[in-house]
Amino acid sequence: TQYAQQSYKVSDSFPFKWINKKWREGFSVTSMATAGSRWAVVMSRNAGFSDQ
């Protein structure tokens, strides 16, 4: 699948504020991983999803 825009963040805690900010900009969470205390979240815009 070709996404129009992607943004990702790696942090030591779950990035609620960043996800909320990106959500308001029209991004959807498309991938998420955790290892130990580290989180990686990928958000994409124009991914072809309807409301989740």
PDB file of N, CA and C in Angstrom:
ATOM      1  N   THR A   1       0.852  -1.192   0.000  1.00  0.00           N
ATOM      2  CA  THR A   1       0.000   0.000   0.000  1.00  0.00           C
ATOM      3  C   THR A   1       0.887   1.240   0.000  1.00  0.00           C
ATOM      4  N   GLN A   2       0.576   2.186  -0.844  1.00  0.00           N
ATOM      5  CA  GLN A   2       1.342   3.427  -0.901  1.00  0.00           C
ATOM      6  C   GLN A   2       0.653   4.490  -0.056  1.00  0.00           C
ATOM      7  N   TYR A   3       1.295   4.890   1.026  1.00  0.00           N
ATOM      8  CA  TYR A   3       0.751   5.952   1.858  1.00  0.00           C
ATOM      9  C   TYR A   3       1.210   7.302   1.314  1.00  0.00           C
ATOM     10  N   ALA A   4       0.347   8.288   1.432  1.00  0.00           N
ATOM     11  CA  ALA A   4       0.707   9.610   0.955  1.00  0.00           C
ATOM     12  C   ALA A   4       1.689  10.286   1.912  1.00  0.00           C
ATOM     13  N   GLN A   5       1.450  10.150   3.214  1.00  0.00           N
ATOM     14  CA  GLN A   5       2.339  10.771   4.194  1.00  0.00           C
ATOM     15  C   GLN A   5       2.471   9.844   5.388  1.00  0.00           C
ATOM     16  N   GLN A   6       3.663   9.735   5.919  1.00  0.00           N
ATOM     17  CA  GLN A   6       3.881   8.959   7.130  1.00  0.00           C
ATOM     18  C   GLN A   6       4.709   9.764   8.116  1.00  0.00           C
ATOM     19  N   SER A   7       4.476   9.485   9.386  1.00  0.00           N
ATOM     20  CA  SER A   7       5.238  10.127  10.440  1.00  0.00           C
ATOM     21  C   SER A   7       5.469   9.073  11.509  1.00  0.00           C
ATOM     22  N   TYR A   8       6.647   9.064  12.102  1.00  0.00           N
ATOM     23  CA  TYR A   8       6.872   8.074  13.148  1.00  0.00           C
ATOM     24  C   TYR A   8       7.579   8.696  14.337  1.00  0.00           C
ATOM     25  N   LYS A   9       7.428   8.029  15.465  1.00  0.00           N
ATOM     26  CA  LYS A   9       8.040   8.516  16.703  1.00  0.00           C
ATOM     27  C   LYS A   9       8.514   7.323  17.519  1.00  0.00           C
ATOM     28  N   VAL A  10       9.701   7.455  18.076  1.00  0.00           N
ATOM     29  CA  VAL A  10      10.218   6.459  19.018  1.00  0.00           C
ATOM     30  C   VAL A  10      10.417   7.179  20.342  1.00  0.00           C
ATOM     31  N   SER A  11       9.875   6.619  21.418  1.00  0.00           N
ATOM     32  CA  SER A  11      10.003   7.299  22.706  1.00  0.00           C
ATOM     33  C   SER A  11      10.056   6.284  23.837  1.00  0.00           C
ATOM     34  N   ASP A  12      10.395   6.784  25.032  1.00  0.00           N
ATOM     35  CA  ASP A  12      10.530   5.917  26.205  1.00  0.00           C
ATOM     36  C   ASP A  12       9.213   5.690  26.928  1.00  0.00           C
ATOM     37  N   SER A  13       8.173   6.373  26.492  1.00  0.00           N
ATOM     38  CA  SER A  13       6.843   6.144  27.053  1.00  0.00           C
ATOM     39  C   SER A  13       5.839   6.276  25.917  1.00  0.00           C
ATOM     40  N   PHE A  14       4.632   5.777  26.140  1.00  0.00           N
ATOM     41  CA  PHE A  14       3.641   5.790  25.065  1.00  0.00           C
ATOM     42  C   PHE A  14       3.298   7.233  24.696  1.00  0.00           C
ATOM     43  N   PRO A  15       3.450   7.616  23.424  1.00  0.00           N
ATOM     44  CA  PRO A  15       3.346   9.043  23.035  1.00  0.00           C
ATOM     45  C   PRO A  15       1.906   9.514  22.789  1.00  0.00           C
ATOM     46  N   PHE A  16       1.104   9.522  23.862  1.00  0.00           N
ATOM     47  CA  PHE A  16      -0.305   9.913  23.738  1.00  0.00           C
ATOM     48  C   PHE A  16      -0.479  11.282  23.084  1.00  0.00           C
ATOM     49  N   LYS A  17       0.281  12.269  23.563  1.00  0.00           N
ATOM     50  CA  LYS A  17       0.098  13.646  23.067  1.00  0.00           C
ATOM     51  C   LYS A  17       0.424  13.742  21.585  1.00  0.00           C
ATOM     52  N   TRP A  18       1.505  13.073  21.190  1.00  0.00           N
ATOM     53  CA  TRP A  18       1.896  13.104  19.775  1.00  0.00           C
ATOM     54  C   TRP A  18       0.832  12.439  18.907  1.00  0.00           C
ATOM     55  N   ILE A  19       0.311  11.296  19.377  1.00  0.00           N
ATOM     56  CA  ILE A  19      -0.737  10.604  18.614  1.00  0.00           C
ATOM     57  C   ILE A  19      -1.973  11.489  18.498  1.00  0.00           C
ATOM     58  N   ASN A  20      -2.376  12.133  19.596  1.00  0.00           N
ATOM     59  CA  ASN A  20      -3.543  13.015  19.549  1.00  0.00           C
ATOM     60  C   ASN A  20      -3.329  14.173  18.583  1.00  0.00           C
ATOM     61  N   LYS A  21      -2.140  14.736  18.596  1.00  0.00           N
ATOM     62  CA  LYS A  21      -1.822  15.845  17.695  1.00  0.00           C
ATOM     63  C   LYS A  21      -1.922  15.388  16.246  1.00  0.00           C
ATOM     64  N   LYS A  22      -1.301  14.235  15.945  1.00  0.00           N
ATOM     65  CA  LYS A  22      -1.322  13.731  14.577  1.00  0.00           C
ATOM     66  C   LYS A  22      -2.730  13.314  14.166  1.00  0.00           C
ATOM     67  N   TRP A  23      -3.490  12.757  15.117  1.00  0.00           N
ATOM     68  CA  TRP A  23      -4.872  12.351  14.832  1.00  0.00           C
ATOM     69  C   TRP A  23      -5.680  13.557  14.366  1.00  0.00           C
ATOM     70  N   ARG A  24      -5.497  14.694  15.062  1.00  0.00           N
ATOM     71  CA  ARG A  24      -6.215  15.913  14.676  1.00  0.00           C
ATOM     72  C   ARG A  24      -5.773  16.418  13.308  1.00  0.00           C
ATOM     73  N   GLU A  25      -4.550  16.072  12.912  1.00  0.00           N
ATOM     74  CA  GLU A  25      -4.051  16.469  11.590  1.00  0.00           C
ATOM     75  C   GLU A  25      -4.492  15.494  10.501  1.00  0.00           C
ATOM     76  N   GLY A  26      -5.224  14.453  10.887  1.00  0.00           N
ATOM     77  CA  GLY A  26      -5.760  13.534   9.894  1.00  0.00           C
ATOM     78  C   GLY A  26      -4.985  12.241   9.732  1.00  0.00           C
ATOM     79  N   PHE A  27      -4.064  11.967  10.645  1.00  0.00           N
ATOM     80  CA  PHE A  27      -3.288  10.731  10.560  1.00  0.00           C
ATOM     81  C   PHE A  27      -3.989   9.605  11.312  1.00  0.00           C
ATOM     82  N   SER A  28      -3.734   8.377  10.894  1.00  0.00           N
ATOM     83  CA  SER A  28      -4.215   7.192  11.596  1.00  0.00           C
ATOM     84  C   SER A  28      -3.011   6.362  12.019  1.00  0.00           C
ATOM     85  N   VAL A  29      -3.121   5.675  13.161  1.00  0.00           N
ATOM     86  CA  VAL A  29      -2.047   4.780  13.592  1.00  0.00           C
ATOM     87  C   VAL A  29      -2.054   3.557  12.680  1.00  0.00           C
ATOM     88  N   THR A  30      -0.944   3.291  12.017  1.00  0.00           N
ATOM     89  CA  THR A  30      -0.884   2.152  11.099  1.00  0.00           C
ATOM     90  C   THR A  30       0.093   1.086  11.555  1.00  0.00           C
ATOM     91  N   SER A  31       0.962   1.409  12.512  1.00  0.00           N
ATOM     92  CA  SER A  31       1.890   0.401  13.009  1.00  0.00           C
ATOM     93  C   SER A  31       2.367   0.823  14.387  1.00  0.00           C
ATOM     94  N   MET A  32       2.610  -0.177  15.235  1.00  0.00           N
ATOM     95  CA  MET A  32       3.036   0.117  16.593  1.00  0.00           C
ATOM     96  C   MET A  32       3.883  -1.043  17.087  1.00  0.00           C
ATOM     97  N   ALA A  33       4.958  -0.738  17.796  1.00  0.00           N
ATOM     98  CA  ALA A  33       5.796  -1.796  18.358  1.00  0.00           C
ATOM     99  C   ALA A  33       6.359  -1.315  19.686  1.00  0.00           C
ATOM    100  N   THR A  34       6.651  -2.273  20.550  1.00  0.00           N
ATOM    101  CA  THR A  34       7.274  -1.930  21.819  1.00  0.00           C
ATOM    102  C   THR A  34       8.368  -2.935  22.128  1.00  0.00           C
ATOM    103  N   ALA A  35       9.432  -2.456  22.766  1.00  0.00           N
ATOM    104  CA  ALA A  35      10.521  -3.331  23.203  1.00  0.00           C
ATOM    105  C   ALA A  35      11.025  -2.771  24.524  1.00  0.00           C
ATOM    106  N   GLY A  36      10.871  -3.534  25.583  1.00  0.00           N
ATOM    107  CA  GLY A  36      11.222  -3.011  26.893  1.00  0.00           C
ATOM    108  C   GLY A  36      10.336  -1.824  27.210  1.00  0.00           C
ATOM    109  N   SER A  37      10.951  -0.675  27.488  1.00  0.00           N
ATOM    110  CA  SER A  37      10.162   0.523  27.793  1.00  0.00           C
ATOM    111  C   SER A  37      10.049   1.443  26.585  1.00  0.00           C
ATOM    112  N   ARG A  38      10.560   1.018  25.443  1.00  0.00           N
ATOM    113  CA  ARG A  38      10.580   1.873  24.248  1.00  0.00           C
ATOM    114  C   ARG A  38       9.366   1.594  23.376  1.00  0.00           C
ATOM    115  N   TRP A  39       8.799   2.654  22.819  1.00  0.00           N
ATOM    116  CA  TRP A  39       7.651   2.555  21.919  1.00  0.00           C
ATOM    117  C   TRP A  39       8.014   3.150  20.563  1.00  0.00           C
ATOM    118  N   ALA A  40       7.536   2.501  19.523  1.00  0.00           N
ATOM    119  CA  ALA A  40       7.651   3.056  18.172  1.00  0.00           C
ATOM    120  C   ALA A  40       6.253   3.059  17.573  1.00  0.00           C
ATOM    121  N   VAL A  41       5.831   4.202  17.085  1.00  0.00           N
ATOM    122  CA  VAL A  41       4.493   4.343  16.509  1.00  0.00           C
ATOM    123  C   VAL A  41       4.627   4.965  15.127  1.00  0.00           C
ATOM    124  N   VAL A  42       3.968   4.356  14.144  1.00  0.00           N
ATOM    125  CA  VAL A  42       3.927   4.913  12.794  1.00  0.00           C
ATOM    126  C   VAL A  42       2.499   5.367  12.528  1.00  0.00           C
ATOM    127  N   MET A  43       2.351   6.596  12.060  1.00  0.00           N
ATOM    128  CA  MET A  43       1.039   7.117  11.692  1.00  0.00           C
ATOM    129  C   MET A  43       1.086   7.544  10.236  1.00  0.00           C
ATOM    130  N   SER A  44      -0.009   7.291   9.535  1.00  0.00           N
ATOM    131  CA  SER A  44      -0.074   7.584   8.106  1.00  0.00           C
ATOM    132  C   SER A  44      -1.313   8.414   7.816  1.00  0.00           C
ATOM    133  N   ARG A  45      -1.192   9.245   6.789  1.00  0.00           N
ATOM    134  CA  ARG A  45      -2.337  10.046   6.351  1.00  0.00           C
ATOM    135  C   ARG A  45      -2.682   9.619   4.933  1.00  0.00           C
ATOM    136  N   ASN A  46      -3.963   9.695   4.604  1.00  0.00           N
ATOM    137  CA  ASN A  46      -4.457   9.245   3.302  1.00  0.00           C
ATOM    138  C   ASN A  46      -4.160   7.758   3.106  1.00  0.00           C
ATOM    139  N   ALA A  47      -4.380   6.988   4.180  1.00  0.00           N
ATOM    140  CA  ALA A  47      -4.084   5.558   4.134  1.00  0.00           C
ATOM    141  C   ALA A  47      -5.272   4.748   3.619  1.00  0.00           C
ATOM    142  N   GLY A  48      -6.377   5.410   3.337  1.00  0.00           N
ATOM    143  CA  GLY A  48      -7.525   4.692   2.800  1.00  0.00           C
ATOM    144  C   GLY A  48      -8.424   4.093   3.859  1.00  0.00           C
ATOM    145  N   PHE A  49      -8.214   4.469   5.129  1.00  0.00           N
ATOM    146  CA  PHE A  49      -9.078   3.961   6.189  1.00  0.00           C
ATOM    147  C   PHE A  49     -10.254   4.905   6.378  1.00  0.00           C
ATOM    148  N   SER A  50     -11.384   4.340   6.753  1.00  0.00           N
ATOM    149  CA  SER A  50     -12.462   5.175   7.264  1.00  0.00           C
ATOM    150  C   SER A  50     -12.235   5.274   8.774  1.00  0.00           C
ATOM    151  N   ASP A  51     -13.163   5.855   9.511  1.00  0.00           N
ATOM    152  CA  ASP A  51     -12.986   6.003  10.958  1.00  0.00           C
ATOM    153  C   ASP A  51     -12.766   4.650  11.605  1.00  0.00           C
ATOM    154  N   GLN A  52     -11.833   4.613  12.536  1.00  0.00           N
ATOM    155  CA  GLN A  52     -11.507   3.361  13.215  1.00  0.00           C
ATOM    156  C   GLN A  52     -12.114   3.356  14.604  1.00  0.00           C
TER     157      GLN A  52
END
